[in-house]
Amino acid sequence: MTENWTAAVMVFVGLFMIGGVVSFFKQGLKVFAGVLGVAAALAITAGVLWW
């Protein structure tokens, strides 16, 4: 695994936000799901690049 825990935390936060995207989408809140999806993609990208 990595020595840098920040990267692992960023990936975990991104995956957690993907769960929120699914939840918002099921509730019909598509705008919020889109915004949270962008934030999740940024968090996962930051984690992967930080690795």
N, C-alpha and C. Protein backbone atom coordinates (compact mmCIF):
# COMPACT_ATOMS: atom_id res chain seq x y z
N MET A 1 0.84 -1.19 0.00
CA MET A 1 0.00 0.00 0.00
C MET A 1 0.88 1.25 0.00
N THR A 2 0.26 2.34 0.12
CA THR A 2 0.98 3.60 0.03
C THR A 2 1.45 4.07 1.41
N GLU A 3 2.49 4.84 1.40
CA GLU A 3 2.96 5.47 2.63
C GLU A 3 2.18 6.74 2.93
N ASN A 4 1.50 7.25 1.91
CA ASN A 4 0.79 8.50 2.04
C ASN A 4 -0.70 8.22 2.30
N TRP A 5 -1.14 8.42 3.53
CA TRP A 5 -2.52 8.13 3.89
C TRP A 5 -3.50 9.13 3.30
N THR A 6 -3.02 10.31 2.93
CA THR A 6 -3.90 11.31 2.35
C THR A 6 -4.49 10.82 1.04
N ALA A 7 -3.69 10.14 0.24
CA ALA A 7 -4.17 9.61 -1.04
C ALA A 7 -5.26 8.58 -0.81
N ALA A 8 -5.06 7.69 0.14
CA ALA A 8 -6.06 6.66 0.43
C ALA A 8 -7.35 7.28 0.94
N VAL A 9 -7.23 8.30 1.76
CA VAL A 9 -8.41 8.98 2.28
C VAL A 9 -9.17 9.70 1.17
N MET A 10 -8.45 10.31 0.24
CA MET A 10 -9.11 11.01 -0.87
C MET A 10 -9.89 10.03 -1.75
N VAL A 11 -9.31 8.86 -2.02
CA VAL A 11 -10.01 7.85 -2.81
C VAL A 11 -11.24 7.36 -2.05
N PHE A 12 -11.12 7.13 -0.75
CA PHE A 12 -12.25 6.70 0.06
C PHE A 12 -13.36 7.75 0.05
N VAL A 13 -13.01 9.01 0.19
CA VAL A 13 -14.01 10.08 0.17
C VAL A 13 -14.71 10.13 -1.18
N GLY A 14 -13.95 9.95 -2.25
CA GLY A 14 -14.54 9.93 -3.59
C GLY A 14 -15.52 8.79 -3.76
N LEU A 15 -15.17 7.62 -3.27
CA LEU A 15 -16.08 6.47 -3.37
C LEU A 15 -17.32 6.69 -2.50
N PHE A 16 -17.14 7.32 -1.35
CA PHE A 16 -18.27 7.64 -0.48
C PHE A 16 -19.22 8.61 -1.18
N MET A 17 -18.66 9.58 -1.90
CA MET A 17 -19.49 10.54 -2.63
C MET A 17 -20.23 9.88 -3.78
N ILE A 18 -19.67 8.85 -4.38
CA ILE A 18 -20.38 8.13 -5.44
C ILE A 18 -21.66 7.51 -4.88
N GLY A 19 -21.60 7.03 -3.65
CA GLY A 19 -22.81 6.54 -3.00
C GLY A 19 -23.85 7.64 -2.85
N GLY A 20 -23.40 8.85 -2.56
CA GLY A 20 -24.30 9.99 -2.48
C GLY A 20 -24.90 10.34 -3.83
N VAL A 21 -24.13 10.18 -4.89
CA VAL A 21 -24.64 10.43 -6.24
C VAL A 21 -25.78 9.48 -6.54
N VAL A 22 -25.59 8.21 -6.23
CA VAL A 22 -26.66 7.21 -6.46
C VAL A 22 -27.89 7.56 -5.65
N SER A 23 -27.70 7.95 -4.41
CA SER A 23 -28.82 8.31 -3.54
C SER A 23 -29.58 9.52 -4.07
N PHE A 24 -28.85 10.57 -4.44
CA PHE A 24 -29.49 11.77 -4.98
C PHE A 24 -30.22 11.47 -6.27
N PHE A 25 -29.63 10.63 -7.11
CA PHE A 25 -30.25 10.30 -8.39
C PHE A 25 -31.56 9.54 -8.18
N LYS A 26 -31.59 8.64 -7.21
CA LYS A 26 -32.81 7.89 -6.90
C LYS A 26 -33.90 8.80 -6.35
N GLN A 27 -33.51 9.88 -5.67
CA GLN A 27 -34.48 10.81 -5.12
C GLN A 27 -34.96 11.83 -6.15
N GLY A 28 -34.36 11.82 -7.33
CA GLY A 28 -34.76 12.74 -8.37
C GLY A 28 -34.04 14.07 -8.32
N LEU A 29 -33.00 14.18 -7.54
CA LEU A 29 -32.24 15.43 -7.42
C LEU A 29 -31.04 15.36 -8.37
N LYS A 30 -31.31 15.49 -9.65
CA LYS A 30 -30.28 15.27 -10.66
C LYS A 30 -29.21 16.34 -10.66
N VAL A 31 -29.57 17.58 -10.34
CA VAL A 31 -28.57 18.65 -10.31
C VAL A 31 -27.56 18.39 -9.20
N PHE A 32 -28.05 18.05 -8.02
CA PHE A 32 -27.15 17.77 -6.90
C PHE A 32 -26.31 16.52 -7.17
N ALA A 33 -26.91 15.54 -7.84
CA ALA A 33 -26.17 14.33 -8.19
C ALA A 33 -25.03 14.68 -9.16
N GLY A 34 -25.29 15.57 -10.09
CA GLY A 34 -24.25 15.98 -11.03
C GLY A 34 -23.12 16.72 -10.34
N VAL A 35 -23.47 17.63 -9.45
CA VAL A 35 -22.44 18.40 -8.72
C VAL A 35 -21.61 17.47 -7.84
N LEU A 36 -22.28 16.56 -7.15
CA LEU A 36 -21.56 15.62 -6.29
C LEU A 36 -20.74 14.64 -7.12
N GLY A 37 -21.21 14.30 -8.31
CA GLY A 37 -20.44 13.44 -9.20
C GLY A 37 -19.14 14.09 -9.64
N VAL A 38 -19.20 15.37 -9.94
CA VAL A 38 -17.98 16.10 -10.31
C VAL A 38 -17.01 16.15 -9.13
N ALA A 39 -17.55 16.40 -7.95
CA ALA A 39 -16.70 16.45 -6.76
C ALA A 39 -16.08 15.08 -6.48
N ALA A 40 -16.84 14.01 -6.69
CA ALA A 40 -16.31 12.66 -6.48
C ALA A 40 -15.20 12.36 -7.48
N ALA A 41 -15.40 12.75 -8.73
CA ALA A 41 -14.36 12.53 -9.74
C ALA A 41 -13.09 13.30 -9.39
N LEU A 42 -13.24 14.52 -8.89
CA LEU A 42 -12.07 15.31 -8.50
C LEU A 42 -11.35 14.68 -7.31
N ALA A 43 -12.11 14.18 -6.34
CA ALA A 43 -11.49 13.57 -5.16
C ALA A 43 -10.73 12.29 -5.54
N ILE A 44 -11.33 11.47 -6.38
CA ILE A 44 -10.65 10.24 -6.80
C ILE A 44 -9.42 10.57 -7.64
N THR A 45 -9.55 11.54 -8.52
CA THR A 45 -8.40 11.94 -9.33
C THR A 45 -7.27 12.48 -8.46
N ALA A 46 -7.61 13.29 -7.46
CA ALA A 46 -6.59 13.81 -6.55
C ALA A 46 -5.91 12.68 -5.79
N GLY A 47 -6.69 11.70 -5.35
CA GLY A 47 -6.10 10.57 -4.65
C GLY A 47 -5.18 9.75 -5.51
N VAL A 48 -5.57 9.52 -6.75
CA VAL A 48 -4.74 8.72 -7.65
C VAL A 48 -3.46 9.49 -8.01
N LEU A 49 -3.57 10.78 -8.28
CA LEU A 49 -2.38 11.55 -8.62
C LEU A 49 -1.45 11.73 -7.43
N TRP A 50 -2.02 11.77 -6.22
CA TRP A 50 -1.22 11.94 -5.02
C TRP A 50 -0.45 10.66 -4.68
N TRP A 51 -0.97 9.52 -5.16
CA TRP A 51 -0.39 8.22 -4.88
C TRP A 51 1.01 8.22 -5.40
